[in-house]
Amino acid sequence: MRLLLAAALAVLPLALAACQPSAPEPASSTAAPDAAPGIALKDAVIQLPAVAGRPGAAYFTVSQSGGAARKLVAVYVDGAKRSEMHESGMKDGMMTMAEVKEVALGDGKTVIFKPGGYHAMLFEVVPSLRAGESAEITITLDNGDKVSAPAKIKAVGSDAGHMGHR
């Protein structure tokens, strides 16, 4: 009887372990920031704020070369607590700026984020971002896909944001 009890106690942990749910599978590489087929992010520049504590800006070019039309819905920059997409323009002879929640892309379409047009405002920029270095910028699409690229960090007064689009 004791032998039977000892055998049952020895097997109990194995039986309990078999009832536990299996460990989750590791995330697939298709969830990586470069998983958006047909979407390209390039010419990324971070413009540091002129005065510490004020917003900075991010400029870049995003294009779509195929697939269903997508929308850009978020921009994230390492070193900024939050960011907002904005669009500048002229209205009644006055320069305006307004937040936008999405920017339409589409097959063969390129959108340039630059001064005087679409741009990302960067809030609470950390002091560790320094001109001449780089930081990662990540865009998020309406379907959840993300694309990342390095962004050159520029100081105020440099030609940041022009990226050859004068």
N, C-alpha and C. Protein backbone atom coordinates (compact mmCIF):
# COMPACT_ATOMS: atom_id res chain seq x y z
N MET A 1 0.82 -1.18 0.00
CA MET A 1 0.00 0.00 0.00
C MET A 1 0.87 1.26 0.00
N ARG A 2 1.93 1.25 0.84
CA ARG A 2 2.85 2.38 0.87
C ARG A 2 3.54 2.56 -0.48
N LEU A 3 3.90 1.48 -1.09
CA LEU A 3 4.56 1.54 -2.39
C LEU A 3 3.63 2.16 -3.43
N LEU A 4 2.38 1.82 -3.39
CA LEU A 4 1.39 2.38 -4.32
C LEU A 4 1.21 3.87 -4.07
N LEU A 5 1.16 4.31 -2.81
CA LEU A 5 1.02 5.72 -2.46
C LEU A 5 2.25 6.50 -2.91
N ALA A 6 3.44 5.96 -2.70
CA ALA A 6 4.68 6.63 -3.10
C ALA A 6 4.73 6.78 -4.62
N ALA A 7 4.32 5.77 -5.34
CA ALA A 7 4.32 5.83 -6.80
C ALA A 7 3.33 6.88 -7.29
N ALA A 8 2.17 6.96 -6.67
CA ALA A 8 1.15 7.95 -7.05
C ALA A 8 1.67 9.36 -6.79
N LEU A 9 2.33 9.59 -5.66
CA LEU A 9 2.87 10.91 -5.35
C LEU A 9 4.02 11.28 -6.29
N ALA A 10 4.78 10.32 -6.74
CA ALA A 10 5.87 10.58 -7.66
C ALA A 10 5.35 10.98 -9.04
N VAL A 11 4.23 10.43 -9.45
CA VAL A 11 3.67 10.69 -10.78
C VAL A 11 2.80 11.96 -10.78
N LEU A 12 2.30 12.40 -9.63
CA LEU A 12 1.39 13.54 -9.54
C LEU A 12 1.97 14.82 -10.16
N PRO A 13 3.22 15.21 -9.84
CA PRO A 13 3.74 16.43 -10.47
C PRO A 13 3.79 16.34 -11.99
N LEU A 14 4.10 15.20 -12.53
CA LEU A 14 4.13 15.05 -13.99
C LEU A 14 2.75 15.20 -14.58
N ALA A 15 1.75 14.64 -13.93
CA ALA A 15 0.37 14.74 -14.41
C ALA A 15 -0.10 16.18 -14.36
N LEU A 16 0.23 16.90 -13.28
CA LEU A 16 -0.17 18.30 -13.16
C LEU A 16 0.52 19.17 -14.22
N ALA A 17 1.78 18.89 -14.48
CA ALA A 17 2.52 19.67 -15.48
C ALA A 17 1.91 19.49 -16.87
N ALA A 18 1.41 18.31 -17.15
CA ALA A 18 0.80 18.05 -18.45
C ALA A 18 -0.50 18.80 -18.63
N CYS A 19 -1.15 19.21 -17.53
CA CYS A 19 -2.42 19.92 -17.61
C CYS A 19 -2.22 21.43 -17.80
N GLN A 20 -1.02 21.92 -17.61
CA GLN A 20 -0.76 23.35 -17.73
C GLN A 20 -0.78 23.75 -19.20
N PRO A 21 -1.24 25.00 -19.48
CA PRO A 21 -1.21 25.45 -20.87
C PRO A 21 0.23 25.57 -21.34
N SER A 22 0.44 25.33 -22.62
CA SER A 22 1.80 25.42 -23.15
C SER A 22 2.24 26.87 -23.21
N ALA A 23 3.52 27.08 -23.22
CA ALA A 23 4.09 28.42 -23.29
C ALA A 23 3.71 29.03 -24.63
N PRO A 24 3.46 30.35 -24.65
CA PRO A 24 3.11 30.99 -25.92
C PRO A 24 4.27 30.91 -26.90
N GLU A 25 3.92 30.85 -28.17
CA GLU A 25 4.92 30.82 -29.23
C GLU A 25 5.61 32.18 -29.28
N PRO A 26 6.90 32.23 -29.59
CA PRO A 26 7.56 33.52 -29.73
C PRO A 26 6.94 34.30 -30.88
N ALA A 27 7.02 35.63 -30.77
CA ALA A 27 6.44 36.49 -31.81
C ALA A 27 7.10 36.21 -33.15
N SER A 28 6.31 36.19 -34.16
CA SER A 28 6.80 35.93 -35.52
C SER A 28 7.58 37.13 -36.01
N SER A 29 8.53 36.90 -36.86
CA SER A 29 9.32 38.00 -37.42
C SER A 29 8.48 38.89 -38.33
N THR A 30 7.29 38.43 -38.72
CA THR A 30 6.45 39.27 -39.57
C THR A 30 5.87 40.45 -38.78
N ALA A 31 6.01 40.44 -37.45
CA ALA A 31 5.53 41.55 -36.64
C ALA A 31 6.62 42.60 -36.45
N ALA A 32 7.77 42.41 -37.07
CA ALA A 32 8.88 43.35 -36.92
C ALA A 32 8.52 44.69 -37.56
N PRO A 33 9.21 45.78 -37.13
CA PRO A 33 8.88 47.10 -37.66
C PRO A 33 9.02 47.25 -39.17
N ASP A 34 9.66 46.33 -39.85
CA ASP A 34 9.78 46.46 -41.30
C ASP A 34 8.81 45.52 -42.02
N ALA A 35 7.70 45.20 -41.37
CA ALA A 35 6.79 44.19 -41.89
C ALA A 35 5.71 44.73 -42.82
N ALA A 36 5.75 46.00 -43.17
CA ALA A 36 4.71 46.58 -44.02
C ALA A 36 5.12 46.45 -45.48
N PRO A 37 4.61 45.43 -46.18
CA PRO A 37 5.02 45.24 -47.58
C PRO A 37 4.63 46.44 -48.44
N GLY A 38 5.57 46.88 -49.26
CA GLY A 38 5.30 47.98 -50.18
C GLY A 38 5.40 49.36 -49.59
N ILE A 39 5.72 49.48 -48.30
CA ILE A 39 5.82 50.79 -47.65
C ILE A 39 7.29 51.10 -47.42
N ALA A 40 7.73 52.29 -47.84
CA ALA A 40 9.12 52.71 -47.64
C ALA A 40 9.15 54.00 -46.82
N LEU A 41 10.06 54.06 -45.87
CA LEU A 41 10.27 55.23 -45.02
C LEU A 41 11.72 55.64 -45.21
N LYS A 42 11.95 56.89 -45.63
CA LYS A 42 13.32 57.33 -45.88
C LYS A 42 13.46 58.82 -45.61
N ASP A 43 14.71 59.30 -45.69
CA ASP A 43 15.04 60.72 -45.51
C ASP A 43 14.56 61.27 -44.18
N ALA A 44 14.59 60.46 -43.13
CA ALA A 44 14.06 60.90 -41.83
C ALA A 44 15.04 61.83 -41.12
N VAL A 45 14.49 62.93 -40.60
CA VAL A 45 15.26 63.94 -39.88
C VAL A 45 14.48 64.35 -38.64
N ILE A 46 15.19 64.46 -37.52
CA ILE A 46 14.60 64.98 -36.29
C ILE A 46 15.18 66.37 -36.08
N GLN A 47 14.32 67.36 -35.98
CA GLN A 47 14.73 68.74 -35.71
C GLN A 47 14.58 68.98 -34.22
N LEU A 48 15.70 69.19 -33.52
CA LEU A 48 15.64 69.44 -32.08
C LEU A 48 14.93 70.77 -31.81
N PRO A 49 14.31 70.90 -30.63
CA PRO A 49 13.65 72.17 -30.31
C PRO A 49 14.67 73.29 -30.13
N ALA A 50 14.26 74.51 -30.47
CA ALA A 50 15.13 75.67 -30.31
C ALA A 50 15.40 75.96 -28.84
N VAL A 51 14.40 75.69 -28.01
CA VAL A 51 14.50 75.94 -26.58
C VAL A 51 14.10 74.65 -25.86
N ALA A 52 14.93 74.23 -24.91
CA ALA A 52 14.62 73.01 -24.15
C ALA A 52 13.21 73.11 -23.58
N GLY A 53 12.48 72.01 -23.65
CA GLY A 53 11.11 71.98 -23.14
C GLY A 53 10.06 72.30 -24.19
N ARG A 54 10.47 72.85 -25.31
CA ARG A 54 9.55 73.14 -26.41
C ARG A 54 9.51 71.94 -27.35
N PRO A 55 8.53 71.87 -28.24
CA PRO A 55 8.47 70.73 -29.17
C PRO A 55 9.57 70.75 -30.23
N GLY A 56 9.97 69.56 -30.64
CA GLY A 56 10.83 69.39 -31.81
C GLY A 56 9.93 68.96 -32.96
N ALA A 57 10.55 68.51 -34.05
CA ALA A 57 9.76 68.07 -35.21
C ALA A 57 10.48 66.92 -35.89
N ALA A 58 9.71 66.13 -36.63
CA ALA A 58 10.27 65.06 -37.44
C ALA A 58 9.75 65.21 -38.86
N TYR A 59 10.66 65.02 -39.80
CA TYR A 59 10.35 65.10 -41.22
C TYR A 59 10.84 63.82 -41.89
N PHE A 60 10.14 63.37 -42.91
CA PHE A 60 10.50 62.13 -43.58
C PHE A 60 9.68 61.99 -44.85
N THR A 61 10.02 60.98 -45.62
CA THR A 61 9.27 60.64 -46.82
C THR A 61 8.75 59.23 -46.67
N VAL A 62 7.45 59.04 -46.93
CA VAL A 62 6.85 57.70 -46.89
C VAL A 62 6.16 57.46 -48.22
N SER A 63 6.36 56.26 -48.75
CA SER A 63 5.74 55.94 -50.03
C SER A 63 5.19 54.52 -50.00
N GLN A 64 4.21 54.31 -50.85
CA GLN A 64 3.61 52.98 -50.99
C GLN A 64 3.75 52.54 -52.43
N SER A 65 4.26 51.30 -52.62
CA SER A 65 4.50 50.82 -53.98
C SER A 65 3.63 49.63 -54.36
N GLY A 66 2.60 49.36 -53.60
CA GLY A 66 1.71 48.26 -53.95
C GLY A 66 0.77 47.91 -52.82
N GLY A 67 -0.15 47.02 -53.11
CA GLY A 67 -1.09 46.56 -52.10
C GLY A 67 -2.27 47.51 -51.91
N ALA A 68 -3.11 47.13 -50.96
CA ALA A 68 -4.29 47.95 -50.65
C ALA A 68 -3.86 49.30 -50.10
N ALA A 69 -4.63 50.33 -50.41
CA ALA A 69 -4.33 51.67 -49.92
C ALA A 69 -4.27 51.65 -48.40
N ARG A 70 -3.27 52.27 -47.85
CA ARG A 70 -3.06 52.33 -46.41
C ARG A 70 -3.17 53.77 -45.95
N LYS A 71 -3.25 53.94 -44.63
CA LYS A 71 -3.22 55.26 -44.01
C LYS A 71 -2.15 55.25 -42.93
N LEU A 72 -1.39 56.31 -42.86
CA LEU A 72 -0.42 56.50 -41.79
C LEU A 72 -1.20 57.06 -40.60
N VAL A 73 -1.13 56.38 -39.44
CA VAL A 73 -1.95 56.80 -38.30
C VAL A 73 -1.13 57.22 -37.08
N ALA A 74 0.18 56.95 -37.06
CA ALA A 74 0.99 57.35 -35.91
C ALA A 74 2.45 57.41 -36.30
N VAL A 75 3.17 58.27 -35.58
CA VAL A 75 4.61 58.41 -35.71
C VAL A 75 5.19 58.33 -34.31
N TYR A 76 6.22 57.50 -34.14
CA TYR A 76 6.90 57.39 -32.86
C TYR A 76 8.38 57.66 -33.09
N VAL A 77 8.99 58.44 -32.21
CA VAL A 77 10.41 58.72 -32.29
C VAL A 77 11.04 58.38 -30.95
N ASP A 78 12.07 57.51 -30.99
CA ASP A 78 12.82 57.22 -29.77
C ASP A 78 13.39 58.53 -29.25
N GLY A 79 13.08 58.84 -28.00
CA GLY A 79 13.60 60.08 -27.41
C GLY A 79 12.56 61.17 -27.29
N ALA A 80 11.35 60.93 -27.73
CA ALA A 80 10.24 61.88 -27.55
C ALA A 80 9.13 61.15 -26.80
N LYS A 81 8.59 61.79 -25.78
CA LYS A 81 7.55 61.14 -24.98
C LYS A 81 6.30 60.89 -25.82
N ARG A 82 5.95 61.83 -26.69
CA ARG A 82 4.80 61.63 -27.57
C ARG A 82 4.99 62.46 -28.83
N SER A 83 4.21 62.11 -29.83
CA SER A 83 4.27 62.87 -31.08
C SER A 83 2.86 63.00 -31.64
N GLU A 84 2.68 64.01 -32.46
CA GLU A 84 1.41 64.25 -33.14
C GLU A 84 1.72 64.59 -34.59
N MET A 85 0.90 64.08 -35.50
CA MET A 85 1.02 64.47 -36.90
C MET A 85 0.25 65.77 -37.10
N HIS A 86 0.87 66.71 -37.79
CA HIS A 86 0.26 68.01 -38.06
C HIS A 86 0.38 68.32 -39.54
N GLU A 87 -0.46 69.26 -39.98
CA GLU A 87 -0.36 69.79 -41.33
C GLU A 87 -0.39 71.30 -41.25
N SER A 88 0.59 71.94 -41.87
CA SER A 88 0.64 73.39 -41.95
C SER A 88 0.11 73.81 -43.31
N GLY A 89 -0.43 75.00 -43.37
CA GLY A 89 -0.93 75.52 -44.64
C GLY A 89 -1.30 76.97 -44.50
N MET A 90 -1.81 77.54 -45.57
CA MET A 90 -2.24 78.93 -45.57
C MET A 90 -3.76 79.00 -45.62
N LYS A 91 -4.33 79.88 -44.79
CA LYS A 91 -5.76 80.12 -44.81
C LYS A 91 -6.00 81.59 -44.57
N ASP A 92 -6.67 82.23 -45.52
CA ASP A 92 -6.95 83.67 -45.45
C ASP A 92 -5.67 84.47 -45.22
N GLY A 93 -4.59 84.08 -45.90
CA GLY A 93 -3.34 84.80 -45.80
C GLY A 93 -2.55 84.54 -44.52
N MET A 94 -3.03 83.63 -43.70
CA MET A 94 -2.36 83.33 -42.43
C MET A 94 -1.86 81.89 -42.45
N MET A 95 -0.69 81.68 -41.87
CA MET A 95 -0.16 80.33 -41.75
C MET A 95 -0.94 79.63 -40.64
N THR A 96 -1.38 78.40 -40.91
CA THR A 96 -2.13 77.62 -39.93
C THR A 96 -1.44 76.29 -39.70
N MET A 97 -1.76 75.68 -38.59
CA MET A 97 -1.26 74.34 -38.30
C MET A 97 -2.34 73.61 -37.52
N ALA A 98 -2.64 72.38 -37.95
CA ALA A 98 -3.67 71.60 -37.28
C ALA A 98 -3.23 70.15 -37.18
N GLU A 99 -3.62 69.50 -36.09
CA GLU A 99 -3.32 68.08 -35.92
C GLU A 99 -4.15 67.27 -36.91
N VAL A 100 -3.55 66.21 -37.46
CA VAL A 100 -4.26 65.28 -38.33
C VAL A 100 -4.13 63.89 -37.70
N LYS A 101 -5.18 63.11 -37.81
CA LYS A 101 -5.20 61.77 -37.22
C LYS A 101 -4.72 60.70 -38.18
N GLU A 102 -4.73 60.99 -39.49
CA GLU A 102 -4.28 60.02 -40.48
C GLU A 102 -3.87 60.75 -41.75
N VAL A 103 -2.98 60.09 -42.49
CA VAL A 103 -2.53 60.62 -43.78
C VAL A 103 -2.66 59.49 -44.78
N ALA A 104 -3.42 59.73 -45.84
CA ALA A 104 -3.70 58.70 -46.84
C ALA A 104 -2.46 58.40 -47.68
N LEU A 105 -2.23 57.11 -47.88
CA LEU A 105 -1.21 56.63 -48.79
C LEU A 105 -1.94 55.93 -49.93
N GLY A 106 -1.26 55.27 -50.79
CA GLY A 106 -1.88 54.52 -51.88
C GLY A 106 -0.81 54.06 -52.85
N ASP A 107 -1.16 53.14 -53.70
CA ASP A 107 -0.22 52.57 -54.65
C ASP A 107 0.39 53.68 -55.50
N GLY A 108 1.71 53.77 -55.46
CA GLY A 108 2.41 54.77 -56.25
C GLY A 108 2.45 56.15 -55.64
N LYS A 109 1.93 56.32 -54.44
CA LYS A 109 1.86 57.64 -53.81
C LYS A 109 3.02 57.84 -52.85
N THR A 110 3.60 59.03 -52.87
CA THR A 110 4.65 59.44 -51.94
C THR A 110 4.16 60.66 -51.19
N VAL A 111 4.34 60.66 -49.87
CA VAL A 111 3.97 61.80 -49.04
C VAL A 111 5.24 62.28 -48.34
N ILE A 112 5.51 63.57 -48.46
CA ILE A 112 6.71 64.15 -47.86
C ILE A 112 6.29 64.96 -46.64
N PHE A 113 6.83 64.60 -45.49
CA PHE A 113 6.65 65.36 -44.27
C PHE A 113 7.79 66.37 -44.22
N LYS A 114 7.45 67.68 -44.30
CA LYS A 114 8.45 68.73 -44.39
C LYS A 114 7.88 70.02 -43.79
N PRO A 115 8.75 70.99 -43.50
CA PRO A 115 8.24 72.27 -42.99
C PRO A 115 7.24 72.88 -43.98
N GLY A 116 6.16 73.42 -43.45
CA GLY A 116 5.15 74.05 -44.30
C GLY A 116 4.11 73.08 -44.82
N GLY A 117 4.18 71.81 -44.44
CA GLY A 117 3.23 70.80 -44.88
C GLY A 117 3.00 69.81 -43.75
N TYR A 118 2.90 68.54 -44.09
CA TYR A 118 2.81 67.52 -43.05
C TYR A 118 4.12 67.47 -42.28
N HIS A 119 4.03 67.24 -40.99
CA HIS A 119 5.19 67.04 -40.13
C HIS A 119 4.73 66.38 -38.84
N ALA A 120 5.66 65.85 -38.07
CA ALA A 120 5.33 65.29 -36.76
C ALA A 120 5.92 66.21 -35.70
N MET A 121 5.08 66.66 -34.78
CA MET A 121 5.53 67.46 -33.64
C MET A 121 5.97 66.48 -32.56
N LEU A 122 7.14 66.73 -31.97
CA LEU A 122 7.71 65.86 -30.95
C LEU A 122 7.69 66.58 -29.61
N PHE A 123 7.03 65.99 -28.64
CA PHE A 123 6.88 66.61 -27.33
C PHE A 123 7.73 65.91 -26.29
N GLU A 124 8.25 66.70 -25.36
CA GLU A 124 9.09 66.21 -24.27
C GLU A 124 10.27 65.42 -24.80
N VAL A 125 11.06 66.09 -25.64
CA VAL A 125 12.25 65.50 -26.23
C VAL A 125 13.33 65.37 -25.16
N VAL A 126 13.92 64.18 -25.04
CA VAL A 126 14.93 63.95 -24.01
C VAL A 126 16.23 64.65 -24.37
N PRO A 127 16.94 65.14 -23.36
CA PRO A 127 18.21 65.84 -23.63
C PRO A 127 19.29 64.95 -24.24
N SER A 128 19.14 63.64 -24.15
CA SER A 128 20.16 62.75 -24.70
C SER A 128 20.15 62.73 -26.23
N LEU A 129 19.11 63.26 -26.87
CA LEU A 129 19.13 63.39 -28.34
C LEU A 129 20.05 64.56 -28.68
N ARG A 130 21.08 64.28 -29.47
CA ARG A 130 22.07 65.30 -29.78
C ARG A 130 22.26 65.40 -31.30
N ALA A 131 22.44 66.65 -31.73
CA ALA A 131 22.69 66.91 -33.14
C ALA A 131 23.90 66.10 -33.60
N GLY A 132 23.81 65.57 -34.81
CA GLY A 132 24.88 64.78 -35.38
C GLY A 132 24.72 63.29 -35.13
N GLU A 133 23.85 62.91 -34.22
CA GLU A 133 23.61 61.50 -33.95
C GLU A 133 22.34 61.07 -34.69
N SER A 134 21.82 59.91 -34.36
CA SER A 134 20.57 59.47 -34.98
C SER A 134 19.70 58.78 -33.95
N ALA A 135 18.43 58.68 -34.26
CA ALA A 135 17.45 58.00 -33.42
C ALA A 135 16.47 57.30 -34.35
N GLU A 136 15.80 56.30 -33.82
CA GLU A 136 14.87 55.54 -34.66
C GLU A 136 13.50 56.21 -34.71
N ILE A 137 12.94 56.24 -35.91
CA ILE A 137 11.57 56.72 -36.11
C ILE A 137 10.76 55.53 -36.61
N THR A 138 9.55 55.39 -36.10
CA THR A 138 8.67 54.30 -36.49
C THR A 138 7.31 54.87 -36.86
N ILE A 139 6.81 54.47 -38.02
CA ILE A 139 5.46 54.86 -38.41
C ILE A 139 4.54 53.65 -38.26
N THR A 140 3.29 53.93 -37.95
CA THR A 140 2.28 52.87 -37.81
C THR A 140 1.18 53.12 -38.83
N LEU A 141 0.78 52.05 -39.50
CA LEU A 141 -0.29 52.13 -40.50
C LEU A 141 -1.62 51.71 -39.90
N ASP A 142 -2.70 52.00 -40.62
CA ASP A 142 -4.05 51.70 -40.13
C ASP A 142 -4.29 50.22 -39.90
N ASN A 143 -3.52 49.34 -40.52
CA ASN A 143 -3.70 47.90 -40.30
C ASN A 143 -2.78 47.37 -39.20
N GLY A 144 -2.04 48.26 -38.54
CA GLY A 144 -1.14 47.87 -37.45
C GLY A 144 0.28 47.61 -37.87
N ASP A 145 0.55 47.50 -39.18
CA ASP A 145 1.93 47.32 -39.64
C ASP A 145 2.76 48.54 -39.26
N LYS A 146 4.05 48.29 -39.04
CA LYS A 146 4.98 49.35 -38.67
C LYS A 146 6.20 49.30 -39.57
N VAL A 147 6.81 50.46 -39.78
CA VAL A 147 8.06 50.56 -40.51
C VAL A 147 8.96 51.50 -39.73
N SER A 148 10.22 51.11 -39.55
CA SER A 148 11.19 51.93 -38.82
C SER A 148 12.36 52.29 -39.71
N ALA A 149 13.01 53.41 -39.36
CA ALA A 149 14.20 53.85 -40.08
C ALA A 149 15.00 54.75 -39.16
N PRO A 150 16.31 54.87 -39.39
CA PRO A 150 17.09 55.82 -38.61
C PRO A 150 16.79 57.24 -39.06
N ALA A 151 16.80 58.16 -38.11
CA ALA A 151 16.57 59.58 -38.42
C ALA A 151 17.78 60.37 -37.96
N LYS A 152 18.30 61.22 -38.83
CA LYS A 152 19.40 62.10 -38.47
C LYS A 152 18.87 63.18 -37.54
N ILE A 153 19.64 63.49 -36.51
CA ILE A 153 19.23 64.53 -35.56
C ILE A 153 19.94 65.81 -35.94
N LYS A 154 19.17 66.87 -36.12
CA LYS A 154 19.70 68.18 -36.52
C LYS A 154 19.38 69.23 -35.47
N ALA A 155 20.28 70.20 -35.34
CA ALA A 155 20.07 71.33 -34.43
C ALA A 155 19.31 72.43 -35.16
N VAL A 156 18.75 73.33 -34.41
CA VAL A 156 18.06 74.49 -34.99
C VAL A 156 19.06 75.28 -35.82
N GLY A 157 18.62 75.76 -36.96
CA GLY A 157 19.48 76.55 -37.83
C GLY A 157 20.14 75.74 -38.92
N SER A 158 20.14 74.41 -38.78
CA SER A 158 20.67 73.59 -39.86
C SER A 158 19.57 73.46 -40.90
N ASP A 159 19.85 72.77 -41.98
CA ASP A 159 18.83 72.65 -43.02
C ASP A 159 17.90 71.47 -42.78
N ALA A 160 17.64 71.13 -41.52
CA ALA A 160 16.75 70.02 -41.19
C ALA A 160 15.39 70.22 -41.83
N GLY A 161 14.85 69.16 -42.32
CA GLY A 161 13.51 69.21 -42.87
C GLY A 161 13.48 69.54 -44.34
N HIS A 162 14.53 70.17 -44.85
CA HIS A 162 14.51 70.49 -46.28
C HIS A 162 14.77 69.24 -47.10
N MET A 163 15.67 68.41 -46.66
CA MET A 163 15.95 67.12 -47.29
C MET A 163 15.99 67.21 -48.82
N GLY A 164 16.43 68.35 -49.33
CA GLY A 164 16.51 68.50 -50.78
C GLY A 164 15.19 68.83 -51.42
N HIS A 165 14.17 69.16 -50.64
CA HIS A 165 12.83 69.47 -51.18
C HIS A 165 12.56 70.97 -51.05
N ARG A 166 13.37 71.78 -51.61
CA ARG A 166 13.21 73.24 -51.47
C ARG A 166 12.20 73.76 -52.45
